[in-house]
Amino acid sequence: MVRQLRQMGYPGRVEKLVDYNTFAEYSLTEETIRRKTQRLARGLKILERIRKQYKHGFYLICPFSALGDVYYAMAYLPAYLEKNHIQDYVAVTVGGACSDIAHMFACTSRETLDQKDMDELVQAVLFTRARDAFIAHHDRPYGNLLINALHKKLVPFELLYRCGVFGLEKSCASSQPTCLQAFAGRGSMGKGTSVIFAPYAKSVAGIGRHVWQQAISHYRKKGFQVYTNVSGEEEPLPGTSPLRASLMQFRSAVEWAGAFVGIRSGLCDVIKDAHCHKVALFPDCYYSNTGWKVADFFHLDGWENIVVRENQFRYQDGGGYAQK
């Protein structure tokens, strides 16, 4: 990566801020082996605790805090359970938001861990080759070669889960969430004349503020009420009102509003089948270290999928983006 930056003409410093893959430590020193052995022991304790608490015999492990990944894991889990004659299961996720995704699909047995405990649990599952635990992810914890398929052929995100992760037929239909809640803010939001913007995402490159301002101006001229979906300490976009809706209510919120414009993130997967006008904005970049653009890998059927190249797009009066 550093070499590529230099070839592109970047002269500045390059700093490593985080170690994304906590499993990778290329050392055989006694100290490293001791620490990894201790970590495995902690993971085994977590696994045994879950087994004692939930005596279902099958544990779906979603190892990463990513809404879209957990959404597709839950959407294709019923078909996988039926195929493998499994009756009951426990969904093990990272954080409350991902647990809410499992709740949407009527999962009654849910265990929530922090990322550290999840990584240790995953190590224990891999080390013991636990047959009662299934790690539902396409490239984490780097224990399979599924991600390598993307170096040869474009396999869209949802299809990668359907066929690659779960081994289901390409024609297999996804399940729909059944435990959604009605939007509580319907009294103050104009039905069908509002738009909800979602400019924030944890794992996606941001899009310039001027793009959002053009979109806000467009909808305001049409007489729409304009909102920004926020959580925690996030601030609404200038000229918009904050919207704080739970994940359980968010599909109802966008359907009530009538329009949604968001950066392509897992939140888009959560509302992918909502009945409203939906626009996904993509940064112009590649997925991971593959040769496929993010817009192709994460394309959403039935949506307006827009690649935003900075300073090359403007919001049209008729809706959507157009090249200058």
Protein backbone atom coordinates (compact mmCIF):
# COMPACT_ATOMS: atom_id res chain seq x y z
CA MET A 1 0.00 0.00 0.00
CA VAL A 2 2.84 2.39 0.82
CA ARG A 3 4.46 1.60 -2.51
CA GLN A 4 1.22 2.38 -4.33
CA LEU A 5 0.89 5.71 -2.53
CA ARG A 6 4.42 6.68 -3.53
CA GLN A 7 3.76 5.71 -7.14
CA MET A 8 0.71 7.96 -7.07
CA GLY A 9 2.92 10.85 -5.97
CA TYR A 10 2.02 11.05 -2.28
CA PRO A 11 5.13 12.36 -0.44
CA GLY A 12 3.86 12.48 3.15
CA ARG A 13 4.09 10.15 6.11
CA VAL A 14 2.11 6.92 6.20
CA GLU A 15 1.04 5.79 9.67
CA LYS A 16 -0.45 2.47 10.75
CA LEU A 17 -3.29 3.38 13.10
CA VAL A 18 -4.96 0.04 13.82
CA ASP A 19 -4.28 -3.66 13.45
CA TYR A 20 -7.47 -4.84 11.75
CA ASN A 21 -6.51 -8.51 11.80
CA THR A 22 -5.89 -9.37 15.44
CA PHE A 23 -5.13 -12.96 14.49
CA ALA A 24 -2.04 -12.06 12.49
CA GLU A 25 1.16 -12.05 14.48
CA TYR A 26 4.00 -13.50 12.50
CA SER A 27 6.24 -14.58 15.34
CA LEU A 28 7.16 -17.89 16.95
CA THR A 29 8.76 -16.50 20.09
CA GLU A 30 7.90 -18.09 23.41
CA GLU A 31 6.22 -14.86 24.52
CA THR A 32 3.92 -14.80 21.49
CA ILE A 33 3.00 -18.47 21.89
CA ARG A 34 2.32 -17.90 25.61
CA ARG A 35 -0.01 -14.95 24.92
CA LYS A 36 -1.85 -16.77 22.15
CA THR A 37 -2.28 -19.83 24.38
CA GLN A 38 -3.75 -17.64 27.12
CA ARG A 39 -6.04 -16.02 24.59
CA LEU A 40 -7.21 -19.44 23.41
CA ALA A 41 -7.95 -20.44 27.00
CA ARG A 42 -10.09 -17.33 27.48
CA GLY A 43 -11.91 -18.09 24.23
CA LEU A 44 -12.62 -21.66 25.35
CA LYS A 45 -14.16 -20.34 28.58
CA ILE A 46 -16.44 -18.03 26.58
CA LEU A 47 -17.46 -20.91 24.32
CA GLU A 48 -18.22 -23.18 27.25
CA ARG A 49 -20.21 -20.45 29.01
CA ILE A 50 -22.38 -19.95 25.92
CA ARG A 51 -22.88 -23.68 25.54
CA LYS A 52 -24.04 -23.99 29.15
CA GLN A 53 -26.31 -20.95 28.95
CA TYR A 54 -27.90 -21.86 25.60
CA LYS A 55 -28.24 -25.60 25.17
CA HIS A 56 -29.47 -25.41 21.59
CA GLY A 57 -26.53 -27.16 19.97
CA PHE A 58 -25.96 -24.64 17.14
CA TYR A 59 -24.29 -21.26 17.47
CA LEU A 60 -24.29 -18.74 14.63
CA ILE A 61 -21.28 -16.48 15.07
CA CYS A 62 -21.23 -13.09 13.35
CA PRO A 63 -17.63 -12.08 14.08
CA PHE A 64 -17.67 -8.46 13.02
CA SER A 65 -19.75 -5.41 13.97
CA ALA A 66 -21.23 -4.78 10.51
CA LEU A 67 -24.96 -4.34 9.97
CA GLY A 68 -25.00 -5.54 6.36
CA ASP A 69 -23.05 -8.71 7.11
CA VAL A 70 -25.31 -9.63 10.00
CA TYR A 71 -28.42 -8.77 7.95
CA TYR A 72 -27.50 -11.25 5.20
CA ALA A 73 -26.37 -13.83 7.74
CA MET A 74 -29.84 -13.70 9.28
CA ALA A 75 -31.63 -13.46 5.91
CA TYR A 76 -30.14 -16.72 4.63
CA LEU A 77 -29.88 -18.56 7.93
CA PRO A 78 -33.41 -20.10 7.76
CA ALA A 79 -32.65 -21.80 4.44
CA TYR A 80 -29.32 -23.03 5.82
CA LEU A 81 -31.00 -24.41 8.95
CA GLU A 82 -33.62 -26.20 6.88
CA LYS A 83 -30.99 -27.65 4.55
CA ASN A 84 -28.99 -28.99 7.50
CA HIS A 85 -31.99 -30.11 9.60
CA ILE A 86 -31.19 -27.75 12.48
CA GLN A 87 -34.07 -26.70 14.75
CA ASP A 88 -32.75 -24.16 17.26
CA TYR A 89 -29.86 -21.74 17.27
CA VAL A 90 -28.21 -18.88 19.12
CA ALA A 91 -26.99 -15.75 17.31
CA VAL A 92 -23.72 -14.44 18.74
CA THR A 93 -22.99 -10.87 17.62
CA VAL A 94 -20.81 -7.88 18.45
CA GLY A 95 -22.70 -4.99 20.02
CA GLY A 96 -26.35 -4.12 20.51
CA ALA A 97 -27.04 -2.88 16.98
CA CYS A 98 -26.11 -6.22 15.42
CA SER A 99 -28.17 -7.99 18.07
CA ASP A 100 -31.13 -5.84 16.94
CA ILE A 101 -30.64 -7.16 13.40
CA ALA A 102 -30.97 -10.70 14.73
CA HIS A 103 -34.04 -9.61 16.68
CA MET A 104 -35.62 -8.34 13.43
CA PHE A 105 -35.56 -11.90 12.15
CA ALA A 106 -37.34 -13.21 15.25
CA CYS A 107 -34.20 -14.63 16.83
CA THR A 108 -35.07 -15.13 20.50
CA SER A 109 -31.70 -16.45 21.72
CA ARG A 110 -29.07 -13.76 21.28
CA GLU A 111 -25.66 -13.37 22.90
CA THR A 112 -23.83 -10.04 22.59
CA LEU A 113 -20.07 -9.76 23.01
CA ASP A 114 -17.52 -7.00 22.66
CA GLN A 115 -14.99 -7.33 19.84
CA LYS A 116 -12.18 -8.59 22.09
CA ASP A 117 -14.25 -11.44 23.50
CA MET A 118 -15.58 -12.23 20.02
CA ASP A 119 -12.06 -12.53 18.60
CA GLU A 120 -11.10 -14.88 21.41
CA LEU A 121 -14.27 -16.94 20.90
CA VAL A 122 -13.53 -17.23 17.17
CA GLN A 123 -10.00 -18.41 17.91
CA ALA A 124 -11.40 -21.11 20.20
CA VAL A 125 -13.93 -22.22 17.57
CA LEU A 126 -11.23 -22.48 14.92
CA PHE A 127 -8.68 -24.18 17.14
CA THR A 128 -11.11 -26.84 18.40
CA ARG A 129 -12.90 -27.13 15.03
CA ALA A 130 -16.16 -26.84 16.91
CA ARG A 131 -18.90 -28.48 14.84
CA ASP A 132 -21.70 -26.78 16.74
CA ALA A 133 -20.51 -23.26 15.81
CA PHE A 134 -20.74 -21.64 12.38
CA ILE A 135 -18.77 -18.47 11.58
CA ALA A 136 -20.97 -16.52 9.16
CA HIS A 137 -18.63 -14.18 7.32
CA HIS A 138 -16.98 -14.16 3.91
CA ASP A 139 -13.47 -13.04 4.85
CA ARG A 140 -13.10 -13.00 8.59
CA PRO A 141 -11.29 -14.43 10.52
CA TYR A 142 -9.28 -15.19 7.41
CA GLY A 143 -9.73 -18.89 7.94
CA ASN A 144 -11.18 -19.63 4.50
CA LEU A 145 -10.32 -18.88 0.89
CA LEU A 146 -13.72 -17.51 -0.10
CA ILE A 147 -12.45 -13.95 -0.45
CA ASN A 148 -9.95 -15.22 -3.03
CA ALA A 149 -12.82 -15.85 -5.44
CA LEU A 150 -13.15 -12.09 -5.83
CA HIS A 151 -9.68 -11.92 -7.32
CA LYS A 152 -10.96 -13.93 -10.29
CA LYS A 153 -14.63 -13.04 -10.65
CA LEU A 154 -17.05 -10.38 -9.46
CA VAL A 155 -19.43 -11.97 -6.98
CA PRO A 156 -21.86 -9.40 -5.55
CA PHE A 157 -22.01 -9.02 -1.78
CA GLU A 158 -25.37 -10.69 -1.20
CA LEU A 159 -24.60 -13.56 -3.57
CA LEU A 160 -21.32 -14.11 -1.74
CA TYR A 161 -23.29 -14.73 1.44
CA ARG A 162 -26.01 -16.82 -0.20
CA CYS A 163 -23.76 -19.17 -2.14
CA GLY A 164 -20.31 -18.72 -0.66
CA VAL A 165 -20.93 -18.46 3.07
CA PHE A 166 -24.04 -20.64 3.36
CA GLY A 167 -23.59 -22.88 0.32
CA LEU A 168 -27.14 -22.31 -0.90
CA GLU A 169 -28.41 -22.37 -4.47
CA LYS A 170 -28.17 -19.14 -6.44
CA SER A 171 -31.96 -19.11 -6.80
CA CYS A 172 -32.56 -19.37 -3.05
CA ALA A 173 -34.71 -16.49 -1.79
CA SER A 174 -33.76 -14.54 1.31
CA SER A 175 -36.00 -14.38 4.35
CA GLN A 176 -37.59 -11.09 5.37
CA PRO A 177 -37.44 -9.56 8.85
CA THR A 178 -40.68 -10.19 10.72
CA CYS A 179 -40.22 -8.26 13.98
CA LEU A 180 -40.03 -4.67 12.75
CA GLN A 181 -41.66 -1.80 14.64
CA ALA A 182 -43.76 1.13 13.43
CA PHE A 183 -41.99 4.49 13.26
CA ALA A 184 -42.85 6.48 16.38
CA GLY A 185 -42.29 9.92 14.81
CA ARG A 186 -45.07 9.85 12.23
CA GLY A 187 -46.91 12.72 13.87
CA SER A 188 -44.21 15.27 13.04
CA MET A 189 -42.93 13.95 9.69
CA GLY A 190 -44.73 14.59 6.42
CA LYS A 191 -45.83 11.30 4.88
CA GLY A 192 -44.39 10.87 1.40
CA THR A 193 -42.95 14.40 1.40
CA SER A 194 -39.84 13.88 3.50
CA VAL A 195 -36.34 12.62 2.84
CA ILE A 196 -33.91 10.99 5.26
CA PHE A 197 -30.19 11.46 4.62
CA ALA A 198 -27.66 8.99 6.02
CA PRO A 199 -24.15 10.43 5.52
CA TYR A 200 -22.37 8.45 8.25
CA ALA A 201 -20.75 5.01 8.08
CA LYS A 202 -17.97 3.32 10.03
CA SER A 203 -16.23 1.40 7.27
CA VAL A 204 -16.89 3.47 4.13
CA ALA A 205 -14.95 6.42 2.76
CA GLY A 206 -16.87 9.65 3.29
CA ILE A 207 -18.49 11.78 0.59
CA GLY A 208 -17.88 15.53 0.38
CA ARG A 209 -20.27 17.86 2.23
CA HIS A 210 -20.98 19.80 -0.96
CA VAL A 211 -22.63 16.71 -2.45
CA TRP A 212 -24.97 16.46 0.49
CA GLN A 213 -25.71 20.17 0.38
CA GLN A 214 -26.70 19.92 -3.29
CA ALA A 215 -29.07 17.08 -2.46
CA ILE A 216 -30.53 18.95 0.52
CA SER A 217 -31.11 22.03 -1.62
CA HIS A 218 -32.80 19.91 -4.28
CA TYR A 219 -35.30 18.37 -1.88
CA ARG A 220 -35.97 21.61 -0.04
CA LYS A 221 -36.89 23.29 -3.35
CA LYS A 222 -39.40 20.50 -3.91
CA GLY A 223 -40.99 21.26 -0.54
CA PHE A 224 -39.66 18.18 1.24
CA GLN A 225 -38.92 18.03 4.94
CA VAL A 226 -35.25 17.08 5.27
CA TYR A 227 -33.76 14.92 8.01
CA THR A 228 -30.37 13.44 8.86
CA ASN A 229 -30.23 10.04 10.50
CA VAL A 230 -27.95 10.40 13.53
CA SER A 231 -26.88 8.34 16.51
CA GLY A 232 -24.65 9.05 19.48
CA GLU A 233 -22.80 12.33 19.05
CA GLU A 234 -23.33 12.61 15.28
CA GLU A 235 -24.52 16.00 14.07
CA PRO A 236 -27.26 16.51 11.46
CA LEU A 237 -26.26 17.95 8.10
CA PRO A 238 -26.66 21.75 7.98
CA GLY A 239 -30.23 22.73 7.16
CA THR A 240 -31.72 19.39 8.25
CA SER A 241 -33.42 18.12 11.38
CA PRO A 242 -31.96 15.19 13.35
CA LEU A 243 -33.74 11.86 13.17
CA ARG A 244 -33.11 9.32 15.89
CA ALA A 245 -34.95 6.13 15.00
CA SER A 246 -34.05 2.67 16.24
CA LEU A 247 -33.00 0.02 13.74
CA MET A 248 -36.24 -1.79 14.47
CA GLN A 249 -38.18 1.30 13.32
CA PHE A 250 -35.95 2.52 10.52
CA ARG A 251 -37.61 0.73 7.62
CA SER A 252 -40.97 2.11 8.76
CA ALA A 253 -39.39 5.58 9.01
CA VAL A 254 -38.09 5.68 5.43
CA GLU A 255 -41.34 4.26 4.07
CA TRP A 256 -43.27 6.97 5.90
CA ALA A 257 -40.86 9.66 4.69
CA GLY A 258 -40.97 8.51 1.08
CA ALA A 259 -37.30 9.01 0.19
CA PHE A 260 -33.91 7.93 1.49
CA VAL A 261 -30.46 9.10 0.36
CA GLY A 262 -27.53 7.44 2.07
CA ILE A 263 -23.89 6.58 1.70
CA ARG A 264 -23.69 2.88 0.84
CA SER A 265 -23.37 1.20 4.21
CA GLY A 266 -24.93 -1.66 6.13
CA LEU A 267 -27.90 0.57 6.93
CA CYS A 268 -28.84 0.34 3.24
CA ASP A 269 -28.97 -3.44 3.52
CA VAL A 270 -31.30 -3.16 6.50
CA ILE A 271 -33.83 -1.18 4.41
CA LYS A 272 -33.01 -2.66 1.01
CA ASP A 273 -36.59 -3.86 0.43
CA ALA A 274 -38.33 -0.78 1.85
CA HIS A 275 -41.10 0.67 -0.31
CA CYS A 276 -39.85 4.18 -1.05
CA HIS A 277 -37.41 5.99 -3.35
CA LYS A 278 -33.93 4.85 -2.36
CA VAL A 279 -30.59 6.32 -3.42
CA ALA A 280 -27.22 4.80 -2.49
CA LEU A 281 -24.13 6.99 -2.89
CA PHE A 282 -20.82 5.21 -3.51
CA PRO A 283 -17.30 6.61 -3.21
CA ASP A 284 -15.30 5.93 -6.36
CA CYS A 285 -12.94 3.25 -5.04
CA TYR A 286 -12.20 -0.48 -5.07
CA TYR A 287 -13.39 -3.12 -2.63
CA SER A 288 -10.54 -4.31 -0.40
CA ASN A 289 -7.58 -5.41 -2.55
CA THR A 290 -9.73 -6.70 -5.42
CA GLY A 291 -10.11 -5.22 -8.89
CA TRP A 292 -13.84 -4.58 -8.44
CA LYS A 293 -15.35 -1.20 -7.72
CA VAL A 294 -17.33 -0.83 -4.51
CA ALA A 295 -20.36 0.21 -6.56
CA ASP A 296 -20.31 -3.11 -8.41
CA PHE A 297 -19.68 -5.32 -5.40
CA PHE A 298 -22.30 -3.63 -3.19
CA HIS A 299 -24.86 -2.84 -5.92
CA LEU A 300 -28.47 -2.83 -4.69
CA ASP A 301 -31.25 -3.95 -7.01
CA GLY A 302 -34.21 -1.58 -7.10
CA TRP A 303 -32.12 1.36 -5.91
CA GLU A 304 -30.62 4.35 -7.65
CA ASN A 305 -26.94 3.41 -7.34
CA ILE A 306 -24.74 6.49 -7.81
CA VAL A 307 -20.94 6.70 -7.92
CA VAL A 308 -19.90 10.11 -6.62
CA ARG A 309 -16.69 11.38 -8.16
CA GLU A 310 -15.72 14.55 -6.35
CA ASN A 311 -16.32 17.75 -8.32
CA GLN A 312 -17.78 15.80 -11.25
CA PHE A 313 -21.41 15.44 -10.18
CA ARG A 314 -24.32 17.70 -9.44
CA TYR A 315 -27.82 16.99 -8.26
CA GLN A 316 -30.33 17.30 -11.09
CA ASP A 317 -33.65 19.10 -10.79
CA GLY A 318 -35.37 15.93 -11.92
CA GLY A 319 -33.72 13.87 -9.20
CA GLY A 320 -30.51 11.86 -9.19
CA TYR A 321 -26.97 12.81 -10.11
CA ALA A 322 -25.52 13.74 -13.46
CA GLN A 323 -22.02 14.38 -14.70
CA LYS A 324 -21.05 17.97 -15.24
